[in-house]
Amino acid sequence: MATPIESPGGTKSKSKSKAGILDLVFNIDPITGGELPLYLIYRISFVAFLIFIYIYYTMLADGEIHQIAKIKTELQEVRADYTTQKAEYMKASKQSYLATEMKKYNLQMSLTPPIKVVSEEEIEK
């Protein structure tokens, strides 16, 4: 903190310091002797640079985490769609379901079983 200037009569000036409230809160004059050494400025700026890098990478990691969570929810939706479509396909391929669907078109199920066709090459094997 700056020392008040004495008037020529020997009394101290009544003007307030222009530094204001920051000078009252962060008073480092007893530590630094009234001046801020250059090596402290370098150290403070280096630490501030490291803090900015830390904040940047923290925000970058948070963005990646949100993106991963979004992709996971999309994957779950696709899986649910797949299982739903698979279940519908399995239901549609059942013979009992086909029989009811064929009645809509006035078709009937064949009572004779299918005949297996065997070629001569398969008989020789």
C-alpha atoms as a PDB file:
ATOM      1  CA  MET A   1       0.000   0.000   0.000  1.00  0.00           C
ATOM      2  CA  ALA A   2       1.333   3.435  -0.815  1.00  0.00           C
ATOM      3  CA  THR A   3       2.326   5.694   2.011  1.00  0.00           C
ATOM      4  CA  PRO A   4       0.443   8.968   2.258  1.00  0.00           C
ATOM      5  CA  ILE A   5       2.267  12.099   1.084  1.00  0.00           C
ATOM      6  CA  GLU A   6       3.037  14.626   3.731  1.00  0.00           C
ATOM      7  CA  SER A   7       2.211  18.213   3.056  1.00  0.00           C
ATOM      8  CA  PRO A   8       4.962  20.840   3.426  1.00  0.00           C
ATOM      9  CA  GLY A   9       3.651  21.739   6.882  1.00  0.00           C
ATOM     10  CA  GLY A  10       4.428  18.245   8.161  1.00  0.00           C
ATOM     11  CA  THR A  11       0.831  17.018   8.358  1.00  0.00           C
ATOM     12  CA  LYS A  12      -0.420  14.043   6.391  1.00  0.00           C
ATOM     13  CA  SER A  13      -2.739  14.541   3.432  1.00  0.00           C
ATOM     14  CA  LYS A  14      -6.352  13.523   4.005  1.00  0.00           C
ATOM     15  CA  SER A  15      -6.904  12.241   0.419  1.00  0.00           C
ATOM     16  CA  LYS A  16      -7.768   8.592   0.062  1.00  0.00           C
ATOM     17  CA  SER A  17      -5.623   6.138  -1.850  1.00  0.00           C
ATOM     18  CA  LYS A  18      -6.704   5.738  -5.488  1.00  0.00           C
ATOM     19  CA  ALA A  19      -6.200   1.968  -5.348  1.00  0.00           C
ATOM     20  CA  GLY A  20      -9.517   1.544  -3.564  1.00  0.00           C
ATOM     21  CA  ILE A  21     -10.937  -1.593  -2.043  1.00  0.00           C
ATOM     22  CA  LEU A  22      -8.629  -4.012  -3.891  1.00  0.00           C
ATOM     23  CA  ASP A  23      -5.653  -2.430  -2.187  1.00  0.00           C
ATOM     24  CA  LEU A  24      -7.318  -2.969   1.184  1.00  0.00           C
ATOM     25  CA  VAL A  25      -8.189  -6.611   0.468  1.00  0.00           C
ATOM     26  CA  PHE A  26      -5.043  -7.676  -1.390  1.00  0.00           C
ATOM     27  CA  ASN A  27      -2.393  -5.718   0.471  1.00  0.00           C
ATOM     28  CA  ILE A  28       0.941  -7.285  -0.523  1.00  0.00           C
ATOM     29  CA  ASP A  29       3.106  -4.215   0.166  1.00  0.00           C
ATOM     30  CA  PRO A  30       4.571  -5.673   3.384  1.00  0.00           C
ATOM     31  CA  ILE A  31       5.628  -8.777   1.437  1.00  0.00           C
ATOM     32  CA  THR A  32       7.044  -7.072  -1.656  1.00  0.00           C
ATOM     33  CA  GLY A  33       8.352  -3.868  -0.118  1.00  0.00           C
ATOM     34  CA  GLY A  34       6.004  -1.630  -2.091  1.00  0.00           C
ATOM     35  CA  GLU A  35       6.993  -2.866  -5.556  1.00  0.00           C
ATOM     36  CA  LEU A  36       6.122  -6.035  -7.415  1.00  0.00           C
ATOM     37  CA  PRO A  37       9.310  -7.794  -8.545  1.00  0.00           C
ATOM     38  CA  LEU A  38       9.521  -8.895 -12.162  1.00  0.00           C
ATOM     39  CA  TYR A  39      10.115 -12.569 -11.335  1.00  0.00           C
ATOM     40  CA  LEU A  40       6.773 -12.645  -9.475  1.00  0.00           C
ATOM     41  CA  ILE A  41       5.002 -11.273 -12.537  1.00  0.00           C
ATOM     42  CA  TYR A  42       6.541 -14.058 -14.634  1.00  0.00           C
ATOM     43  CA  ARG A  43       5.488 -16.703 -12.141  1.00  0.00           C
ATOM     44  CA  ILE A  44       1.976 -15.330 -11.806  1.00  0.00           C
ATOM     45  CA  SER A  45       1.536 -15.163 -15.582  1.00  0.00           C
ATOM     46  CA  PHE A  46       2.875 -18.738 -15.951  1.00  0.00           C
ATOM     47  CA  VAL A  47       0.465 -20.049 -13.322  1.00  0.00           C
ATOM     48  CA  ALA A  48      -2.393 -18.129 -14.960  1.00  0.00           C
ATOM     49  CA  PHE A  49      -1.457 -19.697 -18.314  1.00  0.00           C
ATOM     50  CA  LEU A  50      -1.505 -23.164 -16.756  1.00  0.00           C
ATOM     51  CA  ILE A  51      -4.893 -22.441 -15.193  1.00  0.00           C
ATOM     52  CA  PHE A  52      -6.282 -21.410 -18.603  1.00  0.00           C
ATOM     53  CA  ILE A  53      -4.972 -24.628 -20.143  1.00  0.00           C
ATOM     54  CA  TYR A  54      -6.556 -26.656 -17.328  1.00  0.00           C
ATOM     55  CA  ILE A  55      -9.915 -24.901 -17.793  1.00  0.00           C
ATOM     56  CA  TYR A  56      -9.775 -25.425 -21.566  1.00  0.00           C
ATOM     57  CA  TYR A  57      -9.134 -29.150 -21.306  1.00  0.00           C
ATOM     58  CA  THR A  58     -11.751 -29.548 -18.577  1.00  0.00           C
ATOM     59  CA  MET A  59     -14.352 -27.928 -20.818  1.00  0.00           C
ATOM     60  CA  LEU A  60     -13.198 -30.072 -23.740  1.00  0.00           C
ATOM     61  CA  ALA A  61     -13.572 -33.234 -21.656  1.00  0.00           C
ATOM     62  CA  ASP A  62     -17.056 -32.169 -20.510  1.00  0.00           C
ATOM     63  CA  GLY A  63     -18.076 -31.693 -24.132  1.00  0.00           C
ATOM     64  CA  GLU A  64     -16.809 -35.167 -25.007  1.00  0.00           C
ATOM     65  CA  ILE A  65     -18.707 -36.674 -22.057  1.00  0.00           C
ATOM     66  CA  HIS A  66     -21.946 -35.011 -23.208  1.00  0.00           C
ATOM     67  CA  GLN A  67     -21.347 -36.221 -26.761  1.00  0.00           C
ATOM     68  CA  ILE A  68     -20.756 -39.795 -25.557  1.00  0.00           C
ATOM     69  CA  ALA A  69     -23.959 -39.695 -23.489  1.00  0.00           C
ATOM     70  CA  LYS A  70     -25.903 -38.432 -26.515  1.00  0.00           C
ATOM     71  CA  ILE A  71     -24.529 -41.204 -28.716  1.00  0.00           C
ATOM     72  CA  LYS A  72     -25.385 -43.815 -26.062  1.00  0.00           C
ATOM     73  CA  THR A  73     -29.017 -42.693 -25.996  1.00  0.00           C
ATOM     74  CA  GLU A  74     -29.165 -42.793 -29.801  1.00  0.00           C
ATOM     75  CA  LEU A  75     -27.700 -46.311 -29.733  1.00  0.00           C
ATOM     76  CA  GLN A  76     -30.327 -47.450 -27.235  1.00  0.00           C
ATOM     77  CA  GLU A  77     -33.065 -46.050 -29.478  1.00  0.00           C
ATOM     78  CA  VAL A  78     -31.668 -47.892 -32.498  1.00  0.00           C
ATOM     79  CA  ARG A  79     -31.443 -51.127 -30.499  1.00  0.00           C
ATOM     80  CA  ALA A  80     -35.053 -50.735 -29.375  1.00  0.00           C
ATOM     81  CA  ASP A  81     -36.158 -50.164 -32.975  1.00  0.00           C
ATOM     82  CA  TYR A  82     -34.228 -53.238 -34.093  1.00  0.00           C
ATOM     83  CA  THR A  83     -35.770 -55.512 -31.471  1.00  0.00           C
ATOM     84  CA  THR A  84     -39.244 -54.162 -32.255  1.00  0.00           C
ATOM     85  CA  GLN A  85     -38.836 -54.784 -35.972  1.00  0.00           C
ATOM     86  CA  LYS A  86     -37.378 -58.227 -35.356  1.00  0.00           C
ATOM     87  CA  ALA A  87     -40.332 -59.174 -33.142  1.00  0.00           C
ATOM     88  CA  GLU A  88     -42.791 -57.968 -35.777  1.00  0.00           C
ATOM     89  CA  TYR A  89     -40.992 -59.964 -38.462  1.00  0.00           C
ATOM     90  CA  MET A  90     -41.000 -63.108 -36.328  1.00  0.00           C
ATOM     91  CA  LYS A  91     -44.723 -62.666 -35.664  1.00  0.00           C
ATOM     92  CA  ALA A  92     -45.489 -62.135 -39.352  1.00  0.00           C
ATOM     93  CA  SER A  93     -43.587 -65.263 -40.356  1.00  0.00           C
ATOM     94  CA  LYS A  94     -45.579 -67.622 -38.097  1.00  0.00           C
ATOM     95  CA  GLN A  95     -47.921 -69.985 -39.900  1.00  0.00           C
ATOM     96  CA  SER A  96     -50.863 -69.174 -37.643  1.00  0.00           C
ATOM     97  CA  TYR A  97     -50.477 -65.458 -38.364  1.00  0.00           C
ATOM     98  CA  LEU A  98     -50.158 -66.155 -42.077  1.00  0.00           C
ATOM     99  CA  ALA A  99     -53.372 -68.198 -42.005  1.00  0.00           C
ATOM    100  CA  THR A 100     -55.356 -65.318 -40.533  1.00  0.00           C
ATOM    101  CA  GLU A 101     -53.846 -62.897 -43.033  1.00  0.00           C
ATOM    102  CA  MET A 102     -54.672 -65.245 -45.929  1.00  0.00           C
ATOM    103  CA  LYS A 103     -58.350 -65.333 -44.916  1.00  0.00           C
ATOM    104  CA  LYS A 104     -58.536 -61.629 -45.715  1.00  0.00           C
ATOM    105  CA  TYR A 105     -57.779 -62.441 -49.351  1.00  0.00           C
ATOM    106  CA  ASN A 106     -59.994 -65.571 -49.445  1.00  0.00           C
ATOM    107  CA  LEU A 107     -57.012 -67.920 -49.621  1.00  0.00           C
ATOM    108  CA  GLN A 108     -56.743 -71.220 -47.788  1.00  0.00           C
ATOM    109  CA  MET A 109     -53.796 -73.139 -46.449  1.00  0.00           C
ATOM    110  CA  SER A 110     -52.696 -76.160 -48.489  1.00  0.00           C
ATOM    111  CA  LEU A 111     -53.464 -79.468 -46.830  1.00  0.00           C
ATOM    112  CA  THR A 112     -50.813 -81.397 -48.768  1.00  0.00           C
ATOM    113  CA  PRO A 113     -47.302 -81.038 -47.431  1.00  0.00           C
ATOM    114  CA  PRO A 114     -44.584 -79.743 -49.725  1.00  0.00           C
ATOM    115  CA  ILE A 115     -42.616 -82.240 -51.823  1.00  0.00           C
ATOM    116  CA  LYS A 116     -38.874 -82.303 -51.605  1.00  0.00           C
ATOM    117  CA  VAL A 117     -37.232 -82.156 -55.001  1.00  0.00           C
ATOM    118  CA  VAL A 118     -34.000 -84.125 -55.192  1.00  0.00           C
ATOM    119  CA  SER A 119     -31.648 -83.876 -58.138  1.00  0.00           C
ATOM    120  CA  GLU A 120     -29.763 -86.819 -59.567  1.00  0.00           C
ATOM    121  CA  GLU A 121     -26.454 -85.425 -58.391  1.00  0.00           C
ATOM    122  CA  GLU A 122     -27.609 -85.456 -54.780  1.00  0.00           C
ATOM    123  CA  ILE A 123     -28.756 -89.070 -55.115  1.00  0.00           C
ATOM    124  CA  GLU A 124     -25.325 -90.166 -56.348  1.00  0.00           C
ATOM    125  CA  LYS A 125     -23.546 -88.598 -53.384  1.00  0.00           C
END
